[in-house]
Amino acid sequence: MQAAIECELRLLDPAVRASRERLEQLLEPGFTEIGSSGARWDRESIVAALTGGAGSASDAVRVSAMTGTLLAPGLVHLTFTTDGPGGRVHRSSLVRRSDAGWRMYFHQGTPAPAA
């Protein structure tokens, strides 16, 4: 479980979010995201947005209330909240272990009221 949490935390690191190579190491080829804006992203579009300046790769967020549930061997569901320049967002991720290590398979962010 801890390895899945560490994968998520690396993906939230602004230095990782600015690196195509590091993002591709942590996202499954079939990665999908439903962003807090409601937009759908695949691996290539989110990597391009974050590394091309269209995203918020330099914006640090504060993470709270992260919990994980083992759904099956090698599959963890993480839930947590972030607070940052874009406001408060409740988040949910599926992270799975592959031959390449722990990688994110799915992510969703839902805007939440301020604390």
PDB file of N, CA and C in Angstrom:
ATOM      1  N   MET A   1       0.830  -1.192   0.000  1.00  0.00           N
ATOM      2  CA  MET A   1       0.000   0.000   0.000  1.00  0.00           C
ATOM      3  C   MET A   1       0.873   1.255   0.000  1.00  0.00           C
ATOM      4  N   GLN A   2       1.929   1.253   0.801  1.00  0.00           N
ATOM      5  CA  GLN A   2       2.799   2.427   0.900  1.00  0.00           C
ATOM      6  C   GLN A   2       3.411   2.782  -0.456  1.00  0.00           C
ATOM      7  N   ALA A   3       3.762   1.779  -1.254  1.00  0.00           N
ATOM      8  CA  ALA A   3       4.344   2.051  -2.576  1.00  0.00           C
ATOM      9  C   ALA A   3       3.339   2.763  -3.482  1.00  0.00           C
ATOM     10  N   ALA A   4       2.067   2.418  -3.381  1.00  0.00           N
ATOM     11  CA  ALA A   4       1.031   3.099  -4.169  1.00  0.00           C
ATOM     12  C   ALA A   4       0.885   4.545  -3.716  1.00  0.00           C
ATOM     13  N   ILE A   5       0.924   4.776  -2.414  1.00  0.00           N
ATOM     14  CA  ILE A   5       0.848   6.145  -1.882  1.00  0.00           C
ATOM     15  C   ILE A   5       2.049   6.951  -2.354  1.00  0.00           C
ATOM     16  N   GLU A   6       3.225   6.360  -2.326  1.00  0.00           N
ATOM     17  CA  GLU A   6       4.430   7.066  -2.779  1.00  0.00           C
ATOM     18  C   GLU A   6       4.344   7.416  -4.263  1.00  0.00           C
ATOM     19  N   CYS A   7       3.751   6.538  -5.064  1.00  0.00           N
ATOM     20  CA  CYS A   7       3.548   6.837  -6.497  1.00  0.00           C
ATOM     21  C   CYS A   7       2.675   8.086  -6.638  1.00  0.00           C
ATOM     22  N   GLU A   8       1.573   8.133  -5.901  1.00  0.00           N
ATOM     23  CA  GLU A   8       0.666   9.290  -5.956  1.00  0.00           C
ATOM     24  C   GLU A   8       1.387  10.563  -5.524  1.00  0.00           C
ATOM     25  N   LEU A   9       2.117  10.490  -4.437  1.00  0.00           N
ATOM     26  CA  LEU A   9       2.813  11.682  -3.943  1.00  0.00           C
ATOM     27  C   LEU A   9       3.874  12.161  -4.929  1.00  0.00           C
ATOM     28  N   ARG A  10       4.553  11.251  -5.607  1.00  0.00           N
ATOM     29  CA  ARG A  10       5.524  11.670  -6.634  1.00  0.00           C
ATOM     30  C   ARG A  10       4.804  12.400  -7.761  1.00  0.00           C
ATOM     31  N   LEU A  11       3.626  11.913  -8.153  1.00  0.00           N
ATOM     32  CA  LEU A  11       2.878  12.569  -9.228  1.00  0.00           C
ATOM     33  C   LEU A  11       2.401  13.963  -8.842  1.00  0.00           C
ATOM     34  N   LEU A  12       2.312  14.252  -7.570  1.00  0.00           N
ATOM     35  CA  LEU A  12       1.917  15.587  -7.112  1.00  0.00           C
ATOM     36  C   LEU A  12       3.105  16.530  -6.961  1.00  0.00           C
ATOM     37  N   ASP A  13       4.301  16.013  -7.088  1.00  0.00           N
ATOM     38  CA  ASP A  13       5.522  16.812  -6.947  1.00  0.00           C
ATOM     39  C   ASP A  13       5.698  17.695  -8.185  1.00  0.00           C
ATOM     40  N   PRO A  14       5.801  19.022  -8.026  1.00  0.00           N
ATOM     41  CA  PRO A  14       5.950  19.905  -9.193  1.00  0.00           C
ATOM     42  C   PRO A  14       7.130  19.542 -10.094  1.00  0.00           C
ATOM     43  N   ALA A  15       8.227  19.051  -9.537  1.00  0.00           N
ATOM     44  CA  ALA A  15       9.388  18.666 -10.365  1.00  0.00           C
ATOM     45  C   ALA A  15       9.061  17.457 -11.237  1.00  0.00           C
ATOM     46  N   VAL A  16       8.317  16.523 -10.704  1.00  0.00           N
ATOM     47  CA  VAL A  16       7.899  15.355 -11.485  1.00  0.00           C
ATOM     48  C   VAL A  16       6.907  15.783 -12.558  1.00  0.00           C
ATOM     49  N   ARG A  17       5.974  16.643 -12.199  1.00  0.00           N
ATOM     50  CA  ARG A  17       4.939  17.086 -13.140  1.00  0.00           C
ATOM     51  C   ARG A  17       5.517  17.888 -14.306  1.00  0.00           C
ATOM     52  N   ALA A  18       6.709  18.390 -14.160  1.00  0.00           N
ATOM     53  CA  ALA A  18       7.357  19.148 -15.239  1.00  0.00           C
ATOM     54  C   ALA A  18       8.213  18.267 -16.142  1.00  0.00           C
ATOM     55  N   SER A  19       8.307  16.969 -15.847  1.00  0.00           N
ATOM     56  CA  SER A  19       9.189  16.067 -16.589  1.00  0.00           C
ATOM     57  C   SER A  19       8.399  15.003 -17.335  1.00  0.00           C
ATOM     58  N   ARG A  20       8.439  15.065 -18.653  1.00  0.00           N
ATOM     59  CA  ARG A  20       7.755  14.062 -19.476  1.00  0.00           C
ATOM     60  C   ARG A  20       8.198  12.656 -19.102  1.00  0.00           C
ATOM     61  N   GLU A  21       9.499  12.455 -18.988  1.00  0.00           N
ATOM     62  CA  GLU A  21      10.034  11.120 -18.703  1.00  0.00           C
ATOM     63  C   GLU A  21       9.529  10.593 -17.360  1.00  0.00           C
ATOM     64  N   ARG A  22       9.562  11.425 -16.352  1.00  0.00           N
ATOM     65  CA  ARG A  22       9.128  10.980 -15.022  1.00  0.00           C
ATOM     66  C   ARG A  22       7.624  10.728 -14.979  1.00  0.00           C
ATOM     67  N   LEU A  23       6.844  11.550 -15.651  1.00  0.00           N
ATOM     68  CA  LEU A  23       5.403  11.313 -15.711  1.00  0.00           C
ATOM     69  C   LEU A  23       5.098   9.997 -16.427  1.00  0.00           C
ATOM     70  N   GLU A  24       5.750   9.768 -17.543  1.00  0.00           N
ATOM     71  CA  GLU A  24       5.499   8.542 -18.302  1.00  0.00           C
ATOM     72  C   GLU A  24       5.885   7.295 -17.512  1.00  0.00           C
ATOM     73  N   GLN A  25       6.853   7.408 -16.617  1.00  0.00           N
ATOM     74  CA  GLN A  25       7.234   6.278 -15.765  1.00  0.00           C
ATOM     75  C   GLN A  25       6.153   5.964 -14.734  1.00  0.00           C
ATOM     76  N   LEU A  26       5.370   6.965 -14.355  1.00  0.00           N
ATOM     77  CA  LEU A  26       4.392   6.800 -13.281  1.00  0.00           C
ATOM     78  C   LEU A  26       2.952   6.657 -13.746  1.00  0.00           C
ATOM     79  N   LEU A  27       2.699   6.848 -15.045  1.00  0.00           N
ATOM     80  CA  LEU A  27       1.338   6.718 -15.583  1.00  0.00           C
ATOM     81  C   LEU A  27       1.262   5.509 -16.509  1.00  0.00           C
ATOM     82  N   GLU A  28       0.245   4.682 -16.319  1.00  0.00           N
ATOM     83  CA  GLU A  28       0.018   3.536 -17.205  1.00  0.00           C
ATOM     84  C   GLU A  28      -0.219   4.032 -18.632  1.00  0.00           C
ATOM     85  N   PRO A  29       0.174   3.256 -19.638  1.00  0.00           N
ATOM     86  CA  PRO A  29      -0.106   3.655 -21.021  1.00  0.00           C
ATOM     87  C   PRO A  29      -1.599   3.914 -21.266  1.00  0.00           C
ATOM     88  N   GLY A  30      -2.480   3.183 -20.591  1.00  0.00           N
ATOM     89  CA  GLY A  30      -3.922   3.365 -20.752  1.00  0.00           C
ATOM     90  C   GLY A  30      -4.532   4.312 -19.734  1.00  0.00           C
ATOM     91  N   PHE A  31      -3.713   5.155 -19.095  1.00  0.00           N
ATOM     92  CA  PHE A  31      -4.176   6.089 -18.071  1.00  0.00           C
ATOM     93  C   PHE A  31      -5.321   6.964 -18.578  1.00  0.00           C
ATOM     94  N   THR A  32      -6.293   7.196 -17.679  1.00  0.00           N
ATOM     95  CA  THR A  32      -7.417   8.093 -17.945  1.00  0.00           C
ATOM     96  C   THR A  32      -7.649   8.958 -16.713  1.00  0.00           C
ATOM     97  N   GLU A  33      -8.004  10.213 -16.935  1.00  0.00           N
ATOM     98  CA  GLU A  33      -8.349  11.111 -15.841  1.00  0.00           C
ATOM     99  C   GLU A  33      -9.598  11.885 -16.191  1.00  0.00           C
ATOM    100  N   ILE A  34     -10.434  12.069 -15.187  1.00  0.00           N
ATOM    101  CA  ILE A  34     -11.526  13.027 -15.268  1.00  0.00           C
ATOM    102  C   ILE A  34     -11.134  14.134 -14.300  1.00  0.00           C
ATOM    103  N   GLY A  35     -10.732  15.272 -14.857  1.00  0.00           N
ATOM    104  CA  GLY A  35     -10.198  16.353 -14.048  1.00  0.00           C
ATOM    105  C   GLY A  35     -11.259  17.089 -13.265  1.00  0.00           C
ATOM    106  N   SER A  36     -10.822  17.909 -12.327  1.00  0.00           N
ATOM    107  CA  SER A  36     -11.757  18.679 -11.509  1.00  0.00           C
ATOM    108  C   SER A  36     -12.550  19.678 -12.349  1.00  0.00           C
ATOM    109  N   SER A  37     -12.057  19.959 -13.563  1.00  0.00           N
ATOM    110  CA  SER A  37     -12.790  20.833 -14.482  1.00  0.00           C
ATOM    111  C   SER A  37     -13.888  20.082 -15.230  1.00  0.00           C
ATOM    112  N   GLY A  38     -13.865  18.749 -15.124  1.00  0.00           N
ATOM    113  CA  GLY A  38     -14.802  17.915 -15.875  1.00  0.00           C
ATOM    114  C   GLY A  38     -14.216  17.404 -17.174  1.00  0.00           C
ATOM    115  N   ALA A  39     -13.040  17.902 -17.555  1.00  0.00           N
ATOM    116  CA  ALA A  39     -12.397  17.455 -18.795  1.00  0.00           C
ATOM    117  C   ALA A  39     -11.850  16.037 -18.641  1.00  0.00           C
ATOM    118  N   ARG A  40     -11.872  15.273 -19.735  1.00  0.00           N
ATOM    119  CA  ARG A  40     -11.276  13.927 -19.767  1.00  0.00           C
ATOM    120  C   ARG A  40      -9.882  14.043 -20.360  1.00  0.00           C
ATOM    121  N   TRP A  41      -8.949  13.326 -19.764  1.00  0.00           N
ATOM    122  CA  TRP A  41      -7.571  13.331 -20.195  1.00  0.00           C
ATOM    123  C   TRP A  41      -7.097  11.896 -20.401  1.00  0.00           C
ATOM    124  N   ASP A  42      -6.268  11.681 -21.396  1.00  0.00           N
ATOM    125  CA  ASP A  42      -5.553  10.408 -21.495  1.00  0.00           C
ATOM    126  C   ASP A  42      -4.093  10.684 -21.145  1.00  0.00           C
ATOM    127  N   ARG A  43      -3.286   9.658 -21.170  1.00  0.00           N
ATOM    128  CA  ARG A  43      -1.891   9.816 -20.745  1.00  0.00           C
ATOM    129  C   ARG A  43      -1.167  10.888 -21.551  1.00  0.00           C
ATOM    130  N   GLU A  44      -1.275  10.836 -22.856  1.00  0.00           N
ATOM    131  CA  GLU A  44      -0.535  11.779 -23.689  1.00  0.00           C
ATOM    132  C   GLU A  44      -1.012  13.212 -23.484  1.00  0.00           C
ATOM    133  N   SER A  45      -2.322  13.406 -23.377  1.00  0.00           N
ATOM    134  CA  SER A  45      -2.823  14.779 -23.240  1.00  0.00           C
ATOM    135  C   SER A  45      -2.459  15.379 -21.887  1.00  0.00           C
ATOM    136  N   ILE A  46      -2.467  14.592 -20.816  1.00  0.00           N
ATOM    137  CA  ILE A  46      -2.108  15.161 -19.521  1.00  0.00           C
ATOM    138  C   ILE A  46      -0.608  15.418 -19.431  1.00  0.00           C
ATOM    139  N   VAL A  47       0.196  14.519 -20.009  1.00  0.00           N
ATOM    140  CA  VAL A  47       1.648  14.735 -20.014  1.00  0.00           C
ATOM    141  C   VAL A  47       1.979  15.989 -20.820  1.00  0.00           C
ATOM    142  N   ALA A  48       1.350  16.144 -21.985  1.00  0.00           N
ATOM    143  CA  ALA A  48       1.605  17.322 -22.821  1.00  0.00           C
ATOM    144  C   ALA A  48       1.176  18.605 -22.113  1.00  0.00           C
ATOM    145  N   ALA A  49       0.031  18.576 -21.446  1.00  0.00           N
ATOM    146  CA  ALA A  49      -0.450  19.781 -20.756  1.00  0.00           C
ATOM    147  C   ALA A  49       0.468  20.159 -19.600  1.00  0.00           C
ATOM    148  N   LEU A  50       0.886  19.185 -18.818  1.00  0.00           N
ATOM    149  CA  LEU A  50       1.718  19.489 -17.661  1.00  0.00           C
ATOM    150  C   LEU A  50       3.115  19.922 -18.048  1.00  0.00           C
ATOM    151  N   THR A  51       3.688  19.291 -19.058  1.00  0.00           N
ATOM    152  CA  THR A  51       5.068  19.618 -19.434  1.00  0.00           C
ATOM    153  C   THR A  51       5.135  20.744 -20.453  1.00  0.00           C
ATOM    154  N   GLY A  52       4.002  21.102 -21.057  1.00  0.00           N
ATOM    155  CA  GLY A  52       3.991  22.149 -22.073  1.00  0.00           C
ATOM    156  C   GLY A  52       3.577  23.504 -21.548  1.00  0.00           C
ATOM    157  N   GLY A  53       3.384  23.614 -20.257  1.00  0.00           N
ATOM    158  CA  GLY A  53       3.038  24.907 -19.680  1.00  0.00           C
ATOM    159  C   GLY A  53       1.552  25.186 -19.625  1.00  0.00           C
ATOM    160  N   ALA A  54       0.716  24.306 -20.218  1.00  0.00           N
ATOM    161  CA  ALA A  54      -0.724  24.547 -20.195  1.00  0.00           C
ATOM    162  C   ALA A  54      -1.350  24.116 -18.875  1.00  0.00           C
ATOM    163  N   GLY A  55      -0.646  23.267 -18.134  1.00  0.00           N
ATOM    164  CA  GLY A  55      -1.153  22.791 -16.850  1.00  0.00           C
ATOM    165  C   GLY A  55      -0.622  23.637 -15.723  1.00  0.00           C
ATOM    166  N   SER A  56      -0.643  23.048 -14.557  1.00  0.00           N
ATOM    167  CA  SER A  56      -0.179  23.767 -13.375  1.00  0.00           C
ATOM    168  C   SER A  56       0.978  23.014 -12.741  1.00  0.00           C
ATOM    169  N   ALA A  57       1.945  22.622 -13.550  1.00  0.00           N
ATOM    170  CA  ALA A  57       3.044  21.791 -13.072  1.00  0.00           C
ATOM    171  C   ALA A  57       3.840  22.461 -11.961  1.00  0.00           C
ATOM    172  N   SER A  58       3.894  23.778 -11.942  1.00  0.00           N
ATOM    173  CA  SER A  58       4.703  24.448 -10.919  1.00  0.00           C
ATOM    174  C   SER A  58       3.919  24.729  -9.638  1.00  0.00           C
ATOM    175  N   ASP A  59       2.635  24.437  -9.633  1.00  0.00           N
ATOM    176  CA  ASP A  59       1.802  24.719  -8.471  1.00  0.00           C
ATOM    177  C   ASP A  59       1.870  23.584  -7.457  1.00  0.00           C
ATOM    178  N   ALA A  60       2.388  23.883  -6.281  1.00  0.00           N
ATOM    179  CA  ALA A  60       2.408  22.902  -5.205  1.00  0.00           C
ATOM    180  C   ALA A  60       1.029  22.859  -4.557  1.00  0.00           C
ATOM    181  N   VAL A  61       0.646  21.673  -4.099  1.00  0.00           N
ATOM    182  CA  VAL A  61      -0.620  21.510  -3.395  1.00  0.00           C
ATOM    183  C   VAL A  61      -0.347  20.897  -2.033  1.00  0.00           C
ATOM    184  N   ARG A  62      -1.254  21.127  -1.120  1.00  0.00           N
ATOM    185  CA  ARG A  62      -1.193  20.520   0.209  1.00  0.00           C
ATOM    186  C   ARG A  62      -2.128  19.310   0.189  1.00  0.00           C
ATOM    187  N   VAL A  63      -1.620  18.161   0.605  1.00  0.00           N
ATOM    188  CA  VAL A  63      -2.380  16.908   0.596  1.00  0.00           C
ATOM    189  C   VAL A  63      -2.836  16.592   2.014  1.00  0.00           C
ATOM    190  N   SER A  64      -4.098  16.158   2.140  1.00  0.00           N
ATOM    191  CA  SER A  64      -4.593  15.736   3.446  1.00  0.00           C
ATOM    192  C   SER A  64      -5.509  14.529   3.298  1.00  0.00           C
ATOM    193  N   ALA A  65      -5.667  13.829   4.400  1.00  0.00           N
ATOM    194  CA  ALA A  65      -6.626  12.723   4.528  1.00  0.00           C
ATOM    195  C   ALA A  65      -6.433  11.622   3.493  1.00  0.00           C
ATOM    196  N   MET A  66      -5.172  11.315   3.140  1.00  0.00           N
ATOM    197  CA  MET A  66      -4.948  10.257   2.155  1.00  0.00           C
ATOM    198  C   MET A  66      -5.135   8.887   2.816  1.00  0.00           C
ATOM    199  N   THR A  67      -5.981   8.095   2.202  1.00  0.00           N
ATOM    200  CA  THR A  67      -6.193   6.725   2.653  1.00  0.00           C
ATOM    201  C   THR A  67      -6.151   5.806   1.443  1.00  0.00           C
ATOM    202  N   GLY A  68      -5.808   4.558   1.702  1.00  0.00           N
ATOM    203  CA  GLY A  68      -5.744   3.578   0.631  1.00  0.00           C
ATOM    204  C   GLY A  68      -6.493   2.322   1.006  1.00  0.00           C
ATOM    205  N   THR A  69      -7.081   1.692  -0.008  1.00  0.00           N
ATOM    206  CA  THR A  69      -7.775   0.424   0.163  1.00  0.00           C
ATOM    207  C   THR A  69      -7.252  -0.546  -0.881  1.00  0.00           C
ATOM    208  N   LEU A  70      -6.804  -1.700  -0.437  1.00  0.00           N
ATOM    209  CA  LEU A  70      -6.344  -2.739  -1.353  1.00  0.00           C
ATOM    210  C   LEU A  70      -7.578  -3.403  -1.955  1.00  0.00           C
ATOM    211  N   LEU A  71      -7.771  -3.242  -3.265  1.00  0.00           N
ATOM    212  CA  LEU A  71      -8.936  -3.814  -3.938  1.00  0.00           C
ATOM    213  C   LEU A  71      -8.673  -5.240  -4.408  1.00  0.00           C
ATOM    214  N   ALA A  72      -7.435  -5.497  -4.790  1.00  0.00           N
ATOM    215  CA  ALA A  72      -7.002  -6.815  -5.272  1.00  0.00           C
ATOM    216  C   ALA A  72      -5.482  -6.802  -5.192  1.00  0.00           C
ATOM    217  N   PRO A  73      -4.845  -7.957  -5.273  1.00  0.00           N
ATOM    218  CA  PRO A  73      -3.380  -7.927  -5.258  1.00  0.00           C
ATOM    219  C   PRO A  73      -2.854  -6.994  -6.356  1.00  0.00           C
ATOM    220  N   GLY A  74      -2.042  -6.016  -5.966  1.00  0.00           N
ATOM    221  CA  GLY A  74      -1.461  -5.088  -6.930  1.00  0.00           C
ATOM    222  C   GLY A  74      -2.380  -3.983  -7.400  1.00  0.00           C
ATOM    223  N   LEU A  75      -3.520  -3.768  -6.739  1.00  0.00           N
ATOM    224  CA  LEU A  75      -4.454  -2.699  -7.124  1.00  0.00           C
ATOM    225  C   LEU A  75      -4.937  -1.971  -5.870  1.00  0.00           C
ATOM    226  N   VAL A  76      -4.613  -0.669  -5.783  1.00  0.00           N
ATOM    227  CA  VAL A  76      -4.960   0.139  -4.615  1.00  0.00           C
ATOM    228  C   VAL A  76      -5.808   1.329  -5.042  1.00  0.00           C
ATOM    229  N   HIS A  77      -6.871   1.570  -4.280  1.00  0.00           N
ATOM    230  CA  HIS A  77      -7.716   2.749  -4.481  1.00  0.00           C
ATOM    231  C   HIS A  77      -7.322   3.774  -3.425  1.00  0.00           C
ATOM    232  N   LEU A  78      -6.881   4.942  -3.854  1.00  0.00           N
ATOM    233  CA  LEU A  78      -6.485   6.023  -2.951  1.00  0.00           C
ATOM    234  C   LEU A  78      -7.531   7.127  -2.996  1.00  0.00           C
ATOM    235  N   THR A  79      -7.831   7.692  -1.851  1.00  0.00           N
ATOM    236  CA  THR A  79      -8.669   8.887  -1.785  1.00  0.00           C
ATOM    237  C   THR A  79      -7.959   9.897  -0.894  1.00  0.00           C
ATOM    238  N   PHE A  80      -8.098  11.183  -1.245  1.00  0.00           N
ATOM    239  CA  PHE A  80      -7.444  12.244  -0.490  1.00  0.00           C
ATOM    240  C   PHE A  80      -7.996  13.585  -0.948  1.00  0.00           C
ATOM    241  N   THR A  81      -7.559  14.634  -0.269  1.00  0.00           N
ATOM    242  CA  THR A  81      -7.977  15.995  -0.599  1.00  0.00           C
ATOM    243  C   THR A  81      -6.730  16.827  -0.854  1.00  0.00           C
ATOM    244  N   THR A  82      -6.810  17.719  -1.843  1.00  0.00           N
ATOM    245  CA  THR A  82      -5.730  18.672  -2.073  1.00  0.00           C
ATOM    246  C   THR A  82      -6.281  20.084  -1.921  1.00  0.00           C
ATOM    247  N   ASP A  83      -5.408  20.953  -1.434  1.00  0.00           N
ATOM    248  CA  ASP A  83      -5.689  22.384  -1.363  1.00  0.00           C
ATOM    249  C   ASP A  83      -4.548  23.088  -2.060  1.00  0.00           C
ATOM    250  N   GLY A  84      -4.872  23.962  -3.000  1.00  0.00           N
ATOM    251  CA  GLY A  84      -3.836  24.660  -3.741  1.00  0.00           C
ATOM    252  C   GLY A  84      -4.415  25.825  -4.498  1.00  0.00           C
ATOM    253  N   PRO A  85      -3.661  26.326  -5.477  1.00  0.00           N
ATOM    254  CA  PRO A  85      -4.106  27.486  -6.250  1.00  0.00           C
ATOM    255  C   PRO A  85      -5.465  27.280  -6.931  1.00  0.00           C
ATOM    256  N   GLY A  86      -5.788  26.053  -7.267  1.00  0.00           N
ATOM    257  CA  GLY A  86      -7.069  25.770  -7.914  1.00  0.00           C
ATOM    258  C   GLY A  86      -8.198  25.528  -6.935  1.00  0.00           C
ATOM    259  N   GLY A  87      -7.941  25.695  -5.638  1.00  0.00           N
ATOM    260  CA  GLY A  87      -8.963  25.459  -4.625  1.00  0.00           C
ATOM    261  C   GLY A  87      -8.847  24.078  -4.010  1.00  0.00           C
ATOM    262  N   ARG A  88      -9.874  23.695  -3.315  1.00  0.00           N
ATOM    263  CA  ARG A  88      -9.932  22.391  -2.648  1.00  0.00           C
ATOM    264  C   ARG A  88     -10.553  21.373  -3.605  1.00  0.00           C
ATOM    265  N   VAL A  89      -9.912  20.191  -3.683  1.00  0.00           N
ATOM    266  CA  VAL A  89     -10.381  19.141  -4.586  1.00  0.00           C
ATOM    267  C   VAL A  89     -10.310  17.799  -3.859  1.00  0.00           C
ATOM    268  N   HIS A  90     -11.417  17.051  -3.889  1.00  0.00           N
ATOM    269  CA  HIS A  90     -11.416  15.669  -3.413  1.00  0.00           C
ATOM    270  C   HIS A  90     -10.938  14.807  -4.583  1.00  0.00           C
ATOM    271  N   ARG A  91     -10.041  13.866  -4.292  1.00  0.00           N
ATOM    272  CA  ARG A  91      -9.412  13.088  -5.354  1.00  0.00           C
ATOM    273  C   ARG A  91      -9.517  11.595  -5.094  1.00  0.00           C
ATOM    274  N   SER A  92      -9.544  10.848  -6.192  1.00  0.00           N
ATOM    275  CA  SER A  92      -9.622   9.396  -6.147  1.00  0.00           C
ATOM    276  C   SER A  92      -8.728   8.846  -7.250  1.00  0.00           C
ATOM    277  N   SER A  93      -7.876   7.878  -6.890  1.00  0.00           N
ATOM    278  CA  SER A  93      -6.954   7.294  -7.872  1.00  0.00           C
ATOM    279  C   SER A  93      -6.946   5.780  -7.752  1.00  0.00           C
ATOM    280  N   LEU A  94      -6.750   5.119  -8.873  1.00  0.00           N
ATOM    281  CA  LEU A  94      -6.453   3.697  -8.902  1.00  0.00           C
ATOM    282  C   LEU A  94      -4.998   3.562  -9.312  1.00  0.00           C
ATOM    283  N   VAL A  95      -4.222   2.914  -8.462  1.00  0.00           N
ATOM    284  CA  VAL A  95      -2.798   2.720  -8.717  1.00  0.00           C
ATOM    285  C   VAL A  95      -2.552   1.225  -8.728  1.00  0.00           C
ATOM    286  N   ARG A  96      -1.854   0.747  -9.773  1.00  0.00           N
ATOM    287  CA  ARG A  96      -1.625  -0.694  -9.835  1.00  0.00           C
ATOM    288  C   ARG A  96      -0.165  -1.025 -10.099  1.00  0.00           C
ATOM    289  N   ARG A  97       0.199  -2.184  -9.621  1.00  0.00           N
ATOM    290  CA  ARG A  97       1.566  -2.663  -9.795  1.00  0.00           C
ATOM    291  C   ARG A  97       1.659  -3.413 -11.126  1.00  0.00           C
ATOM    292  N   SER A  98       2.709  -3.095 -11.872  1.00  0.00           N
ATOM    293  CA  SER A  98       2.980  -3.780 -13.142  1.00  0.00           C
ATOM    294  C   SER A  98       4.447  -4.175 -13.150  1.00  0.00           C
ATOM    295  N   ASP A  99       4.893  -4.741 -14.248  1.00  0.00           N
ATOM    296  CA  ASP A  99       6.308  -5.076 -14.382  1.00  0.00           C
ATOM    297  C   ASP A  99       7.178  -3.829 -14.283  1.00  0.00           C
ATOM    298  N   ALA A 100       6.616  -2.665 -14.592  1.00  0.00           N
ATOM    299  CA  ALA A 100       7.352  -1.397 -14.542  1.00  0.00           C
ATOM    300  C   ALA A 100       7.287  -0.750 -13.162  1.00  0.00           C
ATOM    301  N   GLY A 101       6.625  -1.373 -12.194  1.00  0.00           N
ATOM    302  CA  GLY A 101       6.471  -0.809 -10.861  1.00  0.00           C
ATOM    303  C   GLY A 101       5.053  -0.290 -10.663  1.00  0.00           C
ATOM    304  N   TRP A 102       4.865   0.518  -9.634  1.00  0.00           N
ATOM    305  CA  TRP A 102       3.543   1.090  -9.347  1.00  0.00           C
ATOM    306  C   TRP A 102       3.288   2.273 -10.266  1.00  0.00           C
ATOM    307  N   ARG A 103       2.124   2.240 -10.924  1.00  0.00           N
ATOM    308  CA  ARG A 103       1.741   3.291 -11.867  1.00  0.00           C
ATOM    309  C   ARG A 103       0.267   3.627 -11.680  1.00  0.00           C
ATOM    310  N   MET A 104      -0.056   4.892 -11.950  1.00  0.00           N
ATOM    311  CA  MET A 104      -1.451   5.301 -11.863  1.00  0.00           C
ATOM    312  C   MET A 104      -2.192   4.857 -13.120  1.00  0.00           C
ATOM    313  N   TYR A 105      -3.374   4.270 -12.902  1.00  0.00           N
ATOM    314  CA  TYR A 105      -4.215   3.800 -13.995  1.00  0.00           C
ATOM    315  C   TYR A 105      -5.391   4.747 -14.240  1.00  0.00           C
ATOM    316  N   PHE A 106      -5.942   5.327 -13.148  1.00  0.00           N
ATOM    317  CA  PHE A 106      -7.106   6.202 -13.272  1.00  0.00           C
ATOM    318  C   PHE A 106      -7.060   7.253 -12.163  1.00  0.00           C
ATOM    319  N   HIS A 107      -7.552   8.449 -12.479  1.00  0.00           N
ATOM    320  CA  HIS A 107      -7.634   9.520 -11.480  1.00  0.00           C
ATOM    321  C   HIS A 107      -8.864  10.377 -11.745  1.00  0.00           C
ATOM    322  N   GLN A 108      -9.498  10.812 -10.656  1.00  0.00           N
ATOM    323  CA  GLN A 108     -10.612  11.748 -10.777  1.00  0.00           C
ATOM    324  C   GLN A 108     -10.510  12.797  -9.685  1.00  0.00           C
ATOM    325  N   GLY A 109     -10.766  14.040 -10.049  1.00  0.00           N
ATOM    326  CA  GLY A 109     -10.798  15.136  -9.090  1.00  0.00           C
ATOM    327  C   GLY A 109     -12.169  15.798  -9.107  1.00  0.00           C
ATOM    328  N   THR A 110     -12.696  16.079  -7.925  1.00  0.00           N
ATOM    329  CA  THR A 110     -14.007  16.707  -7.799  1.00  0.00           C
ATOM    330  C   THR A 110     -13.871  17.958  -6.934  1.00  0.00           C
ATOM    331  N   PRO A 111     -14.247  19.132  -7.470  1.00  0.00           N
ATOM    332  CA  PRO A 111     -14.158  20.351  -6.655  1.00  0.00           C
ATOM    333  C   PRO A 111     -14.935  20.200  -5.348  1.00  0.00           C
ATOM    334  N   ALA A 112     -14.386  20.778  -4.296  1.00  0.00           N
ATOM    335  CA  ALA A 112     -15.014  20.690  -2.984  1.00  0.00           C
ATOM    336  C   ALA A 112     -15.081  22.081  -2.363  1.00  0.00           C
ATOM    337  N   PRO A 113     -16.010  22.286  -1.457  1.00  0.00           N
ATOM    338  CA  PRO A 113     -16.077  23.583  -0.786  1.00  0.00           C
ATOM    339  C   PRO A 113     -14.826  23.807   0.064  1.00  0.00           C
ATOM    340  N   ALA A 114     -14.432  25.054   0.222  1.00  0.00           N
ATOM    341  CA  ALA A 114     -13.282  25.390   1.055  1.00  0.00           C
ATOM    342  C   ALA A 114     -13.502  24.912   2.480  1.00  0.00           C
ATOM    343  N   ALA A 115     -12.414  24.614   3.156  1.00  0.00           N
ATOM    344  CA  ALA A 115     -12.517  24.108   4.540  1.00  0.00           C
ATOM    345  C   ALA A 115     -13.059  25.169   5.474  1.00  0.00           C
TER     346      ALA A 115
END
